[in-house]
Amino acid sequence: MTSQHSAPRKTSTNEPGVPRLVTRLKVANVDPYLAFAAEMFRKDPKEVSDEERQAAKERVMTMLYTEGRSPEEMLKEAASLIIQALGRDSKEEGLKGTPDRVAKAWVNEFTPGILVEDALSEMIIEESYDQMLIVKGIPISSFCEHHLLPWFGNVAVGYIPHELTVGLSKLTRMVQAAQKGITIQERVTETLANAMQKVLKPSGSMVVIEATHSCTAMRGVKSEGQSFTTSAVRGIFLSNPHAKQEFLTLLNRS
């Protein structure tokens, strides 16, 4: 079963009228990003998900603030400015090509692409099993939006199917989609749990992320070796403590 989302309509980064449209919709007390998402994904506004609204907001922000420049061009300039701010010259032997490499890495590896729900929807199977399905040890790495420093760790996801299951690799794909861009661990945890509930409609789902944050290891308190754990619980895992305990027991089993 494939995703039900339509491909977003391709638009130019300097598409005319976007600033005026956003202003006009705000004056009319209409959510501009919801309206833009409905256009992007060719949906009724009532059917637009929070994730699709966020994607539309990011698209609008890009059109408003890039002034027609490509993301790679802006990232290259940003890397050059950081080098200059630190008193170095990007023409030095060790720094030659660094702005280009930084820009390409962000564009190719770290820029948001496929929606989390779409990544999970790529291989839906209309089968159900009276058991808990868990995938743990899924690697995750992203950049904290507070300091633009990396955080990384592992994810465990689990769900109890109702009528639908998904190929196990798609759970990893879901995590890979959620980690893109600049974000925080708490938001990713919630996003993953919400996506599983919406796409798979299971009896319950649970997500646990344990990660190390460079912003606490390299600056501030400089707490090396410290990790942070977040969890999100949905459905039967909220109402049935035995189901939740089974997940945690299986999670901690080596």
C-alpha atoms as a PDB file:
ATOM      1  CA  MET A   1       0.000   0.000   0.000  1.00  0.00           C
ATOM      2  CA  THR A   2       1.525   3.321  -0.958  1.00  0.00           C
ATOM      3  CA  SER A   3       1.246   6.768   0.569  1.00  0.00           C
ATOM      4  CA  GLN A   4      -1.953   8.689  -0.041  1.00  0.00           C
ATOM      5  CA  HIS A   5      -0.142  12.028  -0.154  1.00  0.00           C
ATOM      6  CA  SER A   6       0.064  13.796  -3.481  1.00  0.00           C
ATOM      7  CA  ALA A   7       3.423  15.191  -4.483  1.00  0.00           C
ATOM      8  CA  PRO A   8       3.817  18.865  -3.546  1.00  0.00           C
ATOM      9  CA  ARG A   9       3.344  21.326  -6.366  1.00  0.00           C
ATOM     10  CA  LYS A  10       6.725  22.597  -7.556  1.00  0.00           C
ATOM     11  CA  THR A  11       7.162  26.300  -6.994  1.00  0.00           C
ATOM     12  CA  SER A  12       9.920  28.805  -7.589  1.00  0.00           C
ATOM     13  CA  THR A  13      11.840  30.174  -4.605  1.00  0.00           C
ATOM     14  CA  ASN A  14      10.977  33.688  -5.776  1.00  0.00           C
ATOM     15  CA  GLU A  15       7.351  32.957  -6.583  1.00  0.00           C
ATOM     16  CA  PRO A  16       5.553  36.324  -6.784  1.00  0.00           C
ATOM     17  CA  GLY A  17       2.898  37.371  -4.374  1.00  0.00           C
ATOM     18  CA  VAL A  18       3.819  35.118  -1.445  1.00  0.00           C
ATOM     19  CA  PRO A  19       4.539  37.919   1.081  1.00  0.00           C
ATOM     20  CA  ARG A  20       1.299  39.703   0.087  1.00  0.00           C
ATOM     21  CA  LEU A  21      -0.622  36.425   0.293  1.00  0.00           C
ATOM     22  CA  VAL A  22       0.633  35.675   3.803  1.00  0.00           C
ATOM     23  CA  THR A  23      -0.183  39.202   4.983  1.00  0.00           C
ATOM     24  CA  ARG A  24      -3.642  39.127   3.404  1.00  0.00           C
ATOM     25  CA  LEU A  25      -4.491  35.769   4.985  1.00  0.00           C
ATOM     26  CA  LYS A  26      -3.338  36.927   8.417  1.00  0.00           C
ATOM     27  CA  VAL A  27      -5.460  40.053   8.168  1.00  0.00           C
ATOM     28  CA  ALA A  28      -8.422  37.861   7.221  1.00  0.00           C
ATOM     29  CA  ASN A  29      -7.739  35.767  10.346  1.00  0.00           C
ATOM     30  CA  VAL A  30      -6.859  32.719   8.239  1.00  0.00           C
ATOM     31  CA  ASP A  31      -3.907  30.465   9.044  1.00  0.00           C
ATOM     32  CA  PRO A  32      -1.631  31.231   6.057  1.00  0.00           C
ATOM     33  CA  TYR A  33       0.488  28.116   6.446  1.00  0.00           C
ATOM     34  CA  LEU A  34      -2.551  25.873   6.581  1.00  0.00           C
ATOM     35  CA  ALA A  35      -3.884  27.473   3.420  1.00  0.00           C
ATOM     36  CA  PHE A  36      -0.518  27.148   1.706  1.00  0.00           C
ATOM     37  CA  ALA A  37      -0.251  23.485   2.766  1.00  0.00           C
ATOM     38  CA  ALA A  38      -3.658  22.764   1.282  1.00  0.00           C
ATOM     39  CA  GLU A  39      -2.383  24.166  -2.019  1.00  0.00           C
ATOM     40  CA  MET A  40       0.965  22.344  -1.841  1.00  0.00           C
ATOM     41  CA  PHE A  41      -0.525  18.945  -1.119  1.00  0.00           C
ATOM     42  CA  ARG A  42      -3.784  19.482  -3.043  1.00  0.00           C
ATOM     43  CA  LYS A  43      -5.908  18.780   0.023  1.00  0.00           C
ATOM     44  CA  ASP A  44      -8.886  20.187   1.823  1.00  0.00           C
ATOM     45  CA  PRO A  45      -7.520  22.394   4.657  1.00  0.00           C
ATOM     46  CA  LYS A  46      -9.333  20.193   7.186  1.00  0.00           C
ATOM     47  CA  GLU A  47      -7.270  17.191   6.030  1.00  0.00           C
ATOM     48  CA  VAL A  48      -3.858  18.874   6.359  1.00  0.00           C
ATOM     49  CA  SER A  49      -1.679  17.297   9.051  1.00  0.00           C
ATOM     50  CA  ASP A  50       0.507  19.245  11.492  1.00  0.00           C
ATOM     51  CA  GLU A  51       3.581  17.933   9.696  1.00  0.00           C
ATOM     52  CA  GLU A  52       2.299  19.109   6.306  1.00  0.00           C
ATOM     53  CA  ARG A  53       1.527  22.534   7.787  1.00  0.00           C
ATOM     54  CA  GLN A  54       5.086  22.721   9.126  1.00  0.00           C
ATOM     55  CA  ALA A  55       6.478  21.755   5.711  1.00  0.00           C
ATOM     56  CA  ALA A  56       4.398  24.514   4.127  1.00  0.00           C
ATOM     57  CA  LYS A  57       5.591  27.033   6.716  1.00  0.00           C
ATOM     58  CA  GLU A  58       9.223  26.175   5.974  1.00  0.00           C
ATOM     59  CA  ARG A  59       8.523  26.534   2.265  1.00  0.00           C
ATOM     60  CA  VAL A  60       6.939  29.962   2.780  1.00  0.00           C
ATOM     61  CA  MET A  61       9.868  31.073   4.952  1.00  0.00           C
ATOM     62  CA  THR A  62      12.274  29.969   2.244  1.00  0.00           C
ATOM     63  CA  MET A  63      10.436  31.994  -0.389  1.00  0.00           C
ATOM     64  CA  LEU A  64      10.241  35.040   1.880  1.00  0.00           C
ATOM     65  CA  TYR A  65      13.841  35.160   3.034  1.00  0.00           C
ATOM     66  CA  THR A  66      16.086  33.575   0.402  1.00  0.00           C
ATOM     67  CA  GLU A  67      15.525  36.405  -2.080  1.00  0.00           C
ATOM     68  CA  GLY A  68      15.793  33.963  -4.949  1.00  0.00           C
ATOM     69  CA  ARG A  69      19.122  32.474  -3.840  1.00  0.00           C
ATOM     70  CA  SER A  70      19.584  28.731  -3.605  1.00  0.00           C
ATOM     71  CA  PRO A  71      20.018  27.071  -0.188  1.00  0.00           C
ATOM     72  CA  GLU A  72      23.485  25.855  -1.264  1.00  0.00           C
ATOM     73  CA  GLU A  73      24.568  29.399  -2.109  1.00  0.00           C
ATOM     74  CA  MET A  74      23.350  30.731   1.241  1.00  0.00           C
ATOM     75  CA  LEU A  75      24.968  27.900   3.201  1.00  0.00           C
ATOM     76  CA  LYS A  76      28.276  28.467   1.414  1.00  0.00           C
ATOM     77  CA  GLU A  77      28.146  32.146   2.344  1.00  0.00           C
ATOM     78  CA  ALA A  78      27.262  31.280   5.958  1.00  0.00           C
ATOM     79  CA  ALA A  79      30.235  28.906   6.237  1.00  0.00           C
ATOM     80  CA  SER A  80      32.557  31.563   4.816  1.00  0.00           C
ATOM     81  CA  LEU A  81      31.287  34.109   7.346  1.00  0.00           C
ATOM     82  CA  ILE A  82      31.874  31.717  10.250  1.00  0.00           C
ATOM     83  CA  ILE A  83      35.448  31.140   9.085  1.00  0.00           C
ATOM     84  CA  GLN A  84      36.026  34.899   8.809  1.00  0.00           C
ATOM     85  CA  ALA A  85      34.433  35.548  12.218  1.00  0.00           C
ATOM     86  CA  LEU A  86      36.926  33.139  13.768  1.00  0.00           C
ATOM     87  CA  GLY A  87      39.812  35.076  12.283  1.00  0.00           C
ATOM     88  CA  ARG A  88      40.666  32.638   9.522  1.00  0.00           C
ATOM     89  CA  ASP A  89      40.855  32.939   5.751  1.00  0.00           C
ATOM     90  CA  SER A  90      38.917  30.466   3.624  1.00  0.00           C
ATOM     91  CA  LYS A  91      41.758  30.648   1.097  1.00  0.00           C
ATOM     92  CA  GLU A  92      44.155  28.995   3.552  1.00  0.00           C
ATOM     93  CA  GLU A  93      45.367  25.560   2.512  1.00  0.00           C
ATOM     94  CA  GLY A  94      43.322  23.634   5.076  1.00  0.00           C
ATOM     95  CA  LEU A  95      40.194  25.696   4.473  1.00  0.00           C
ATOM     96  CA  LYS A  96      40.145  25.682   0.681  1.00  0.00           C
ATOM     97  CA  GLY A  97      36.806  24.289  -0.425  1.00  0.00           C
ATOM     98  CA  THR A  98      35.433  24.133   3.122  1.00  0.00           C
ATOM     99  CA  PRO A  99      32.440  26.424   2.415  1.00  0.00           C
ATOM    100  CA  ASP A 100      31.573  24.258  -0.603  1.00  0.00           C
ATOM    101  CA  ARG A 101      31.846  21.054   1.416  1.00  0.00           C
ATOM    102  CA  VAL A 102      29.736  22.452   4.249  1.00  0.00           C
ATOM    103  CA  ALA A 103      27.031  23.626   1.850  1.00  0.00           C
ATOM    104  CA  LYS A 104      26.888  20.312  -0.003  1.00  0.00           C
ATOM    105  CA  ALA A 105      26.742  18.340   3.253  1.00  0.00           C
ATOM    106  CA  TRP A 106      23.795  20.384   4.531  1.00  0.00           C
ATOM    107  CA  VAL A 107      21.925  20.260   1.234  1.00  0.00           C
ATOM    108  CA  ASN A 108      22.525  16.559   0.539  1.00  0.00           C
ATOM    109  CA  GLU A 109      22.450  15.091   4.043  1.00  0.00           C
ATOM    110  CA  PHE A 110      20.720  17.394   6.487  1.00  0.00           C
ATOM    111  CA  THR A 111      18.007  19.292   4.602  1.00  0.00           C
ATOM    112  CA  PRO A 112      14.442  18.036   5.239  1.00  0.00           C
ATOM    113  CA  GLY A 113      12.992  16.009   2.385  1.00  0.00           C
ATOM    114  CA  ILE A 114      10.281  13.346   2.537  1.00  0.00           C
ATOM    115  CA  LEU A 115       7.628  13.792   5.218  1.00  0.00           C
ATOM    116  CA  VAL A 116       7.815  11.423   8.182  1.00  0.00           C
ATOM    117  CA  GLU A 117       4.344  10.026   7.510  1.00  0.00           C
ATOM    118  CA  ASP A 118       5.201   9.433   3.861  1.00  0.00           C
ATOM    119  CA  ALA A 119       8.388   7.568   4.768  1.00  0.00           C
ATOM    120  CA  LEU A 120       6.379   5.272   7.022  1.00  0.00           C
ATOM    121  CA  SER A 121       3.643   4.750   4.436  1.00  0.00           C
ATOM    122  CA  GLU A 122       5.869   3.266   1.740  1.00  0.00           C
ATOM    123  CA  MET A 123       5.164  -0.379   2.630  1.00  0.00           C
ATOM    124  CA  ILE A 124       1.891  -0.828   4.515  1.00  0.00           C
ATOM    125  CA  ILE A 125       0.669  -4.412   4.874  1.00  0.00           C
ATOM    126  CA  GLU A 126      -2.958  -5.164   5.704  1.00  0.00           C
ATOM    127  CA  GLU A 127      -2.183  -7.785   8.308  1.00  0.00           C
ATOM    128  CA  SER A 128      -2.392  -7.807  12.063  1.00  0.00           C
ATOM    129  CA  TYR A 129      -0.638  -9.815  14.760  1.00  0.00           C
ATOM    130  CA  ASP A 130      -1.514 -10.205  18.416  1.00  0.00           C
ATOM    131  CA  GLN A 131       1.972  -9.243  19.514  1.00  0.00           C
ATOM    132  CA  MET A 132       4.216  -6.289  20.105  1.00  0.00           C
ATOM    133  CA  LEU A 133       6.575  -5.269  17.298  1.00  0.00           C
ATOM    134  CA  ILE A 134       9.749  -3.461  18.364  1.00  0.00           C
ATOM    135  CA  VAL A 135      12.764  -2.123  16.504  1.00  0.00           C
ATOM    136  CA  LYS A 136      15.572  -0.770  18.667  1.00  0.00           C
ATOM    137  CA  GLY A 137      19.048   0.556  18.071  1.00  0.00           C
ATOM    138  CA  ILE A 138      17.983   2.798  15.179  1.00  0.00           C
ATOM    139  CA  PRO A 139      20.724   5.449  14.877  1.00  0.00           C
ATOM    140  CA  ILE A 140      19.674   9.082  14.897  1.00  0.00           C
ATOM    141  CA  SER A 141      21.643  12.298  14.422  1.00  0.00           C
ATOM    142  CA  SER A 142      20.440  15.853  13.994  1.00  0.00           C
ATOM    143  CA  PHE A 143      21.258  19.452  14.831  1.00  0.00           C
ATOM    144  CA  CYS A 144      19.840  21.241  17.866  1.00  0.00           C
ATOM    145  CA  GLU A 145      17.980  24.381  16.896  1.00  0.00           C
ATOM    146  CA  HIS A 146      19.279  26.231  19.978  1.00  0.00           C
ATOM    147  CA  HIS A 147      23.001  26.195  19.120  1.00  0.00           C
ATOM    148  CA  LEU A 148      23.166  24.443  15.719  1.00  0.00           C
ATOM    149  CA  LEU A 149      25.342  21.752  17.286  1.00  0.00           C
ATOM    150  CA  PRO A 150      24.817  18.031  16.630  1.00  0.00           C
ATOM    151  CA  TRP A 151      23.018  15.586  18.865  1.00  0.00           C
ATOM    152  CA  PHE A 152      23.013  11.850  18.233  1.00  0.00           C
ATOM    153  CA  GLY A 153      21.948   8.564  19.763  1.00  0.00           C
ATOM    154  CA  ASN A 154      19.581   5.649  19.284  1.00  0.00           C
ATOM    155  CA  VAL A 155      15.846   5.219  18.867  1.00  0.00           C
ATOM    156  CA  ALA A 156      13.540   2.387  19.897  1.00  0.00           C
ATOM    157  CA  VAL A 157      10.053   2.241  18.425  1.00  0.00           C
ATOM    158  CA  GLY A 158       7.315  -0.259  19.098  1.00  0.00           C
ATOM    159  CA  TYR A 159       3.650  -0.739  18.345  1.00  0.00           C
ATOM    160  CA  ILE A 160       0.858  -3.269  18.719  1.00  0.00           C
ATOM    161  CA  PRO A 161      -0.842  -3.699  15.319  1.00  0.00           C
ATOM    162  CA  HIS A 162      -4.587  -3.407  14.917  1.00  0.00           C
ATOM    163  CA  GLU A 163      -5.204  -4.009  11.223  1.00  0.00           C
ATOM    164  CA  LEU A 164      -2.015  -2.729   9.590  1.00  0.00           C
ATOM    165  CA  THR A 165       1.690  -3.498   9.837  1.00  0.00           C
ATOM    166  CA  VAL A 166       4.660  -1.986   8.028  1.00  0.00           C
ATOM    167  CA  GLY A 167       7.958  -3.255   6.664  1.00  0.00           C
ATOM    168  CA  LEU A 168      10.517  -2.986   9.464  1.00  0.00           C
ATOM    169  CA  SER A 169      12.930  -0.981   7.318  1.00  0.00           C
ATOM    170  CA  LYS A 170      10.280   1.728   6.973  1.00  0.00           C
ATOM    171  CA  LEU A 171      10.457   2.389  10.706  1.00  0.00           C
ATOM    172  CA  THR A 172      14.124   3.233  10.163  1.00  0.00           C
ATOM    173  CA  ARG A 173      13.183   5.374   7.158  1.00  0.00           C
ATOM    174  CA  MET A 174      10.710   7.201   9.382  1.00  0.00           C
ATOM    175  CA  VAL A 175      13.463   8.042  11.868  1.00  0.00           C
ATOM    176  CA  GLN A 176      15.766   9.180   9.067  1.00  0.00           C
ATOM    177  CA  ALA A 177      13.071  11.546   7.791  1.00  0.00           C
ATOM    178  CA  ALA A 178      12.379  12.956  11.261  1.00  0.00           C
ATOM    179  CA  GLN A 179      16.018  13.749  12.015  1.00  0.00           C
ATOM    180  CA  LYS A 180      16.524  16.074   9.051  1.00  0.00           C
ATOM    181  CA  GLY A 181      17.043  19.800   9.510  1.00  0.00           C
ATOM    182  CA  ILE A 182      17.416  21.570  12.838  1.00  0.00           C
ATOM    183  CA  THR A 183      15.195  20.233  15.591  1.00  0.00           C
ATOM    184  CA  ILE A 184      15.110  19.060  19.201  1.00  0.00           C
ATOM    185  CA  GLN A 185      14.958  15.563  20.635  1.00  0.00           C
ATOM    186  CA  GLU A 186      11.616  16.109  22.332  1.00  0.00           C
ATOM    187  CA  ARG A 187       9.931  17.145  19.087  1.00  0.00           C
ATOM    188  CA  VAL A 188      11.330  14.196  17.145  1.00  0.00           C
ATOM    189  CA  THR A 189      10.062  11.805  19.818  1.00  0.00           C
ATOM    190  CA  GLU A 190       6.537  13.208  19.583  1.00  0.00           C
ATOM    191  CA  THR A 191       6.650  13.308  15.776  1.00  0.00           C
ATOM    192  CA  LEU A 192       7.546   9.616  15.525  1.00  0.00           C
ATOM    193  CA  ALA A 193       4.803   8.497  17.909  1.00  0.00           C
ATOM    194  CA  ASN A 194       2.193  10.653  16.179  1.00  0.00           C
ATOM    195  CA  ALA A 195       3.202   9.347  12.747  1.00  0.00           C
ATOM    196  CA  MET A 196       2.823   5.720  13.818  1.00  0.00           C
ATOM    197  CA  GLN A 197      -0.572   6.386  15.335  1.00  0.00           C
ATOM    198  CA  LYS A 198      -1.812   8.231  12.260  1.00  0.00           C
ATOM    199  CA  VAL A 199      -0.432   5.931   9.543  1.00  0.00           C
ATOM    200  CA  LEU A 200      -0.646   2.500  11.173  1.00  0.00           C
ATOM    201  CA  LYS A 201      -3.614   3.139  13.492  1.00  0.00           C
ATOM    202  CA  PRO A 202      -2.249   0.608  15.993  1.00  0.00           C
ATOM    203  CA  SER A 203      -3.657  -0.315  19.386  1.00  0.00           C
ATOM    204  CA  GLY A 204      -0.750   1.630  20.792  1.00  0.00           C
ATOM    205  CA  SER A 205       2.740   2.885  20.035  1.00  0.00           C
ATOM    206  CA  MET A 206       5.771   3.927  22.020  1.00  0.00           C
ATOM    207  CA  VAL A 207       9.014   5.710  21.206  1.00  0.00           C
ATOM    208  CA  VAL A 208      12.169   6.068  23.316  1.00  0.00           C
ATOM    209  CA  ILE A 209      15.192   8.130  22.261  1.00  0.00           C
ATOM    210  CA  GLU A 210      18.478   8.221  24.155  1.00  0.00           C
ATOM    211  CA  ALA A 211      20.918  10.801  22.824  1.00  0.00           C
ATOM    212  CA  THR A 212      24.053  12.795  23.575  1.00  0.00           C
ATOM    213  CA  HIS A 213      24.018  16.525  22.889  1.00  0.00           C
ATOM    214  CA  SER A 214      27.115  18.419  21.814  1.00  0.00           C
ATOM    215  CA  CYS A 215      25.691  21.643  23.214  1.00  0.00           C
ATOM    216  CA  THR A 216      26.023  20.293  26.762  1.00  0.00           C
ATOM    217  CA  ALA A 217      29.297  18.426  26.161  1.00  0.00           C
ATOM    218  CA  MET A 218      31.190  21.228  24.382  1.00  0.00           C
ATOM    219  CA  ARG A 219      29.754  24.366  25.985  1.00  0.00           C
ATOM    220  CA  GLY A 220      27.967  25.500  29.130  1.00  0.00           C
ATOM    221  CA  VAL A 221      28.245  22.832  31.819  1.00  0.00           C
ATOM    222  CA  LYS A 222      30.440  20.660  29.537  1.00  0.00           C
ATOM    223  CA  SER A 223      28.965  17.435  30.888  1.00  0.00           C
ATOM    224  CA  GLU A 224      30.801  14.809  28.864  1.00  0.00           C
ATOM    225  CA  GLY A 225      29.266  11.344  28.828  1.00  0.00           C
ATOM    226  CA  GLN A 226      25.806  12.600  29.780  1.00  0.00           C
ATOM    227  CA  SER A 227      22.857  11.310  27.779  1.00  0.00           C
ATOM    228  CA  PHE A 228      19.227  12.382  27.620  1.00  0.00           C
ATOM    229  CA  THR A 229      16.194  10.131  27.322  1.00  0.00           C
ATOM    230  CA  THR A 230      12.783  11.098  25.981  1.00  0.00           C
ATOM    231  CA  SER A 231       9.716   8.937  25.483  1.00  0.00           C
ATOM    232  CA  ALA A 232       6.298   9.250  23.908  1.00  0.00           C
ATOM    233  CA  VAL A 233       3.449   6.869  24.691  1.00  0.00           C
ATOM    234  CA  ARG A 234       0.186   6.419  22.804  1.00  0.00           C
ATOM    235  CA  GLY A 235      -2.908   4.216  22.963  1.00  0.00           C
ATOM    236  CA  ILE A 236      -2.848   1.022  25.017  1.00  0.00           C
ATOM    237  CA  PHE A 237       0.600   1.831  26.389  1.00  0.00           C
ATOM    238  CA  LEU A 238      -1.023   4.705  28.254  1.00  0.00           C
ATOM    239  CA  SER A 239      -3.915   2.709  29.706  1.00  0.00           C
ATOM    240  CA  ASN A 240      -2.284  -0.696  30.223  1.00  0.00           C
ATOM    241  CA  PRO A 241       0.792  -0.652  32.503  1.00  0.00           C
ATOM    242  CA  HIS A 242       1.553  -4.299  31.647  1.00  0.00           C
ATOM    243  CA  ALA A 243       1.944  -3.458  27.953  1.00  0.00           C
ATOM    244  CA  LYS A 244       4.199  -0.542  28.785  1.00  0.00           C
ATOM    245  CA  GLN A 245       6.301  -2.682  31.117  1.00  0.00           C
ATOM    246  CA  GLU A 246       6.652  -5.388  28.456  1.00  0.00           C
ATOM    247  CA  PHE A 247       8.001  -2.791  26.010  1.00  0.00           C
ATOM    248  CA  LEU A 248      10.507  -1.502  28.569  1.00  0.00           C
ATOM    249  CA  THR A 249      11.587  -5.031  29.500  1.00  0.00           C
ATOM    250  CA  LEU A 250      12.190  -5.969  25.875  1.00  0.00           C
ATOM    251  CA  LEU A 251      13.949  -2.655  25.310  1.00  0.00           C
ATOM    252  CA  ASN A 252      16.460  -3.323  28.089  1.00  0.00           C
ATOM    253  CA  ARG A 253      17.089  -6.929  27.090  1.00  0.00           C
ATOM    254  CA  SER A 254      20.540  -7.312  25.506  1.00  0.00           C
END
